[in-house]
Amino acid sequence: MITGQPLEKCHIAVEGAIGVGKTTVAQKLADKLAISTMMESVDDNPFVELFYQNPSRHALAVQLSFLFSRLKQWQGIHQQELFSQGLVSDYLFAKDRLFASVNLTDEEFILYDQVARLVSVDIPKPDLVIYLQSDHDIIMERIRNRNRSMERGLTPDYLKKVMAGYDNFFFHYQETPLLIVQTDHLNFAENDEDMDALINRIRNMRSGTEFWADYS
């Protein structure tokens, strides 16, 4: 394994754009490895639905709300020492800055960045990041099908901006080992063989950044 320790002892962060299947993959992966999970609590953010209705007005509020919510969650996990026992999360703490760069004005981003740098100095890095990619239309269809009230204002153009932000972020990402997974021909929710194949691919990683796509 690329980290030099068993997967069952690693912290693995699963990332990707809205609707790509992060939570499903994170939960299935944790179940397979019999380790704990840390899931992002989007539903508890009171500004998300307001943001999709009026992004320019509520962008800073939703961003700071997510920042402090994630910080509190990570501090709780750290106190429980779960990072040393094996953990799968459905987000990477550093991605908070990614959304800030997409959503905030230059002036708002400067303020956000000052706050974020002060509060996130002790956040541990994961042993591995899995970045899930998918076609824009496929993700948009998944979002429509799950029909969450808070996401009904999400537009195709905004999703494209978020996806471009993710691609740019991970194109330059070198903080940890990274596996980029193209998911259009994979069904982690219903096919155990796909999850087994992903775990096997992770176990055989040899470089800092690798790409995997299964077209069979």
Protein backbone atom coordinates (compact mmCIF):
# COMPACT_ATOMS: atom_id res chain seq x y z
CA MET A 1 0.00 0.00 0.00
CA ILE A 2 1.29 3.45 -0.89
CA THR A 3 1.05 4.78 2.69
CA GLY A 4 3.15 1.96 4.10
CA GLN A 5 0.35 0.76 6.39
CA PRO A 6 -2.79 -1.35 6.01
CA LEU A 7 -5.85 0.33 4.53
CA GLU A 8 -7.72 -0.53 7.70
CA LYS A 9 -5.45 1.89 9.60
CA CYS A 10 -5.62 4.73 7.07
CA HIS A 11 -7.62 7.92 6.83
CA ILE A 12 -9.11 7.97 3.33
CA ALA A 13 -10.95 11.07 2.08
CA VAL A 14 -13.41 10.70 -0.80
CA GLU A 15 -13.95 13.84 -2.86
CA GLY A 16 -15.76 15.09 -5.95
CA ALA A 17 -18.40 17.49 -7.16
CA ILE A 18 -21.97 17.70 -5.85
CA GLY A 19 -23.90 14.54 -6.81
CA VAL A 20 -20.93 12.44 -7.93
CA GLY A 21 -21.49 9.82 -5.21
CA LYS A 22 -18.97 10.70 -2.49
CA THR A 23 -21.09 9.60 0.44
CA THR A 24 -22.06 6.29 -1.18
CA VAL A 25 -18.45 5.42 -1.97
CA ALA A 26 -17.24 6.51 1.46
CA GLN A 27 -19.86 4.41 3.29
CA LYS A 28 -19.33 1.34 1.10
CA LEU A 29 -15.56 1.61 1.45
CA ALA A 30 -15.79 1.93 5.22
CA ASP A 31 -18.15 -1.07 5.39
CA LYS A 32 -15.74 -3.18 3.34
CA LEU A 33 -12.78 -2.20 5.51
CA ALA A 34 -14.78 -2.31 8.77
CA ILE A 35 -13.64 1.15 9.86
CA SER A 36 -15.36 4.35 10.99
CA THR A 37 -16.83 7.11 8.83
CA MET A 38 -16.97 10.88 9.04
CA MET A 39 -19.71 12.30 6.82
CA GLU A 40 -20.26 15.93 5.93
CA SER A 41 -23.43 17.35 7.46
CA VAL A 42 -24.86 19.41 4.58
CA ASP A 43 -28.48 19.23 5.73
CA ASP A 44 -27.65 21.07 8.97
CA ASN A 45 -26.39 24.17 7.17
CA PRO A 46 -29.24 26.71 7.28
CA PHE A 47 -27.77 28.76 4.43
CA VAL A 48 -27.51 26.13 1.67
CA GLU A 49 -31.03 26.48 0.30
CA LEU A 50 -30.82 30.26 0.59
CA PHE A 51 -27.52 30.20 -1.27
CA TYR A 52 -28.97 28.34 -4.25
CA GLN A 53 -31.84 30.87 -4.31
CA ASN A 54 -29.56 33.91 -4.11
CA PRO A 55 -25.84 33.01 -4.36
CA SER A 56 -24.39 36.52 -4.26
CA ARG A 57 -26.24 37.40 -1.06
CA HIS A 58 -25.61 34.23 0.93
CA ALA A 59 -22.24 32.96 -0.36
CA LEU A 60 -20.12 34.20 2.53
CA ALA A 61 -22.62 33.03 5.15
CA VAL A 62 -22.84 29.51 3.72
CA GLN A 63 -19.05 29.32 3.37
CA LEU A 64 -18.28 30.37 6.94
CA SER A 65 -21.03 28.12 8.26
CA PHE A 66 -19.48 25.13 6.49
CA LEU A 67 -16.00 26.09 7.65
CA PHE A 68 -16.93 26.15 11.35
CA SER A 69 -19.14 23.06 11.07
CA ARG A 70 -16.33 21.06 9.46
CA LEU A 71 -13.80 22.37 11.97
CA LYS A 72 -15.97 21.28 14.90
CA GLN A 73 -16.44 17.84 13.34
CA TRP A 74 -12.73 17.31 12.75
CA GLN A 75 -11.85 18.43 16.26
CA GLY A 76 -14.32 15.88 17.64
CA ILE A 77 -12.85 13.09 15.53
CA HIS A 78 -9.32 14.07 16.60
CA GLN A 79 -10.29 13.93 20.28
CA GLN A 80 -11.62 10.40 19.75
CA GLU A 81 -8.28 9.43 18.13
CA LEU A 82 -10.09 7.82 15.21
CA PHE A 83 -7.44 9.04 12.76
CA SER A 84 -5.07 6.38 14.13
CA GLN A 85 -7.71 3.63 13.94
CA GLY A 86 -8.84 3.93 10.32
CA LEU A 87 -11.39 6.39 8.96
CA VAL A 88 -13.20 7.18 5.72
CA SER A 89 -14.55 10.70 5.22
CA ASP A 90 -16.74 11.93 2.37
CA TYR A 91 -14.88 15.21 2.10
CA LEU A 92 -11.43 16.72 2.36
CA PHE A 93 -11.18 19.66 4.76
CA ALA A 94 -9.00 21.59 2.31
CA LYS A 95 -11.81 21.61 -0.27
CA ASP A 96 -13.59 24.27 1.77
CA ARG A 97 -11.22 26.77 0.18
CA LEU A 98 -12.12 25.40 -3.25
CA PHE A 99 -15.78 26.32 -2.83
CA ALA A 100 -14.81 29.69 -1.37
CA SER A 101 -12.78 30.49 -4.48
CA VAL A 102 -15.75 29.59 -6.69
CA ASN A 103 -18.48 31.34 -4.71
CA LEU A 104 -17.00 34.44 -3.09
CA THR A 105 -16.09 37.88 -4.40
CA ASP A 106 -12.43 38.88 -4.14
CA GLU A 107 -13.12 40.95 -1.03
CA GLU A 108 -15.15 38.18 0.62
CA PHE A 109 -12.48 35.61 -0.20
CA ILE A 110 -9.78 37.69 1.50
CA LEU A 111 -11.88 37.79 4.67
CA TYR A 112 -12.72 34.08 4.45
CA ASP A 113 -9.06 33.18 3.87
CA GLN A 114 -7.92 35.11 6.93
CA VAL A 115 -10.42 33.26 9.11
CA ALA A 116 -9.73 29.85 7.56
CA ARG A 117 -5.98 30.10 8.01
CA LEU A 118 -6.40 30.96 11.69
CA VAL A 119 -8.74 28.10 12.57
CA SER A 120 -7.41 25.22 10.45
CA VAL A 121 -3.71 25.06 11.33
CA ASP A 122 -3.94 21.71 13.16
CA ILE A 123 -6.15 19.80 10.70
CA PRO A 124 -4.41 16.48 9.88
CA LYS A 125 -3.97 15.42 6.28
CA PRO A 126 -5.47 12.12 5.08
CA ASP A 127 -3.30 9.20 4.01
CA LEU A 128 -5.10 9.03 0.67
CA VAL A 129 -7.59 11.11 -1.30
CA ILE A 130 -9.96 9.52 -3.83
CA TYR A 131 -11.25 12.06 -6.33
CA LEU A 132 -14.41 10.91 -8.11
CA GLN A 133 -15.06 12.29 -11.59
CA SER A 134 -18.14 11.95 -13.77
CA ASP A 135 -19.81 13.53 -16.78
CA HIS A 136 -21.70 16.76 -16.08
CA ASP A 137 -25.01 15.48 -17.49
CA ILE A 138 -24.80 12.26 -15.47
CA ILE A 139 -24.25 14.19 -12.23
CA MET A 140 -27.07 16.60 -13.02
CA GLU A 141 -29.42 13.67 -13.60
CA ARG A 142 -28.44 12.14 -10.25
CA ILE A 143 -29.17 15.43 -8.51
CA ARG A 144 -32.60 15.63 -10.13
CA ASN A 145 -33.38 12.02 -9.19
CA ARG A 146 -32.52 12.40 -5.51
CA ASN A 147 -34.73 15.51 -5.46
CA ARG A 148 -33.38 17.20 -2.35
CA SER A 149 -35.27 20.40 -1.61
CA MET A 150 -32.09 22.38 -0.90
CA GLU A 151 -30.62 21.44 -4.30
CA ARG A 152 -33.60 22.36 -6.47
CA GLY A 153 -32.09 25.77 -7.16
CA LEU A 154 -28.78 24.31 -8.31
CA THR A 155 -28.22 25.22 -11.97
CA PRO A 156 -26.21 23.36 -14.65
CA ASP A 157 -23.94 26.40 -15.02
CA TYR A 158 -23.14 26.45 -11.31
CA LEU A 159 -22.38 22.71 -11.37
CA LYS A 160 -19.99 23.29 -14.29
CA LYS A 161 -18.19 25.97 -12.26
CA VAL A 162 -17.87 23.63 -9.30
CA MET A 163 -16.59 20.77 -11.48
CA ALA A 164 -14.03 23.07 -13.11
CA GLY A 165 -12.93 24.19 -9.65
CA TYR A 166 -12.45 20.59 -8.55
CA ASP A 167 -10.47 19.70 -11.68
CA ASN A 168 -8.20 22.71 -11.20
CA PHE A 169 -7.77 21.99 -7.48
CA PHE A 170 -6.75 18.36 -7.99
CA PHE A 171 -4.64 19.09 -11.07
CA HIS A 172 -2.32 21.00 -8.72
CA TYR A 173 -2.88 18.81 -5.64
CA GLN A 174 0.28 17.26 -4.16
CA GLU A 175 -0.44 17.21 -0.43
CA THR A 176 -1.16 13.46 -0.21
CA PRO A 177 -1.39 10.38 -2.44
CA LEU A 178 -4.30 10.86 -4.87
CA LEU A 179 -6.35 8.36 -6.85
CA ILE A 180 -8.55 9.92 -9.57
CA VAL A 181 -11.49 7.63 -10.38
CA GLN A 182 -13.65 8.06 -13.50
CA THR A 183 -17.03 6.73 -12.34
CA ASP A 184 -19.28 6.86 -15.44
CA HIS A 185 -19.03 3.09 -15.99
CA LEU A 186 -18.98 2.12 -12.31
CA ASN A 187 -21.90 1.54 -9.96
CA PHE A 188 -20.62 1.51 -6.41
CA ALA A 189 -24.11 1.75 -4.95
CA GLU A 190 -25.36 -1.54 -6.40
CA ASN A 191 -22.31 -3.50 -7.56
CA ASP A 192 -20.02 -4.96 -4.89
CA GLU A 193 -17.56 -6.04 -7.57
CA ASP A 194 -16.92 -2.39 -8.45
CA MET A 195 -16.10 -1.58 -4.83
CA ASP A 196 -13.83 -4.63 -4.58
CA ALA A 197 -12.07 -3.49 -7.75
CA LEU A 198 -11.59 -0.02 -6.27
CA ILE A 199 -10.07 -1.43 -3.08
CA ASN A 200 -7.76 -3.63 -5.12
CA ARG A 201 -6.72 -0.60 -7.17
CA ILE A 202 -5.94 1.35 -4.00
CA ARG A 203 -3.87 -1.50 -2.56
CA ASN A 204 -1.76 -1.55 -5.73
CA MET A 205 -1.01 2.18 -5.91
CA ARG A 206 2.66 2.93 -6.41
CA SER A 207 2.92 6.66 -7.19
CA GLY A 208 1.74 9.93 -5.72
CA THR A 209 -1.08 10.51 -8.22
CA GLU A 210 -2.77 7.77 -10.23
CA PHE A 211 -5.84 7.49 -12.47
CA TRP A 212 -8.34 4.64 -12.72
CA ALA A 213 -11.21 4.08 -15.11
CA ASP A 214 -13.01 0.78 -15.72
CA TYR A 215 -14.63 0.55 -19.17
CA SER A 216 -15.42 -3.17 -19.06
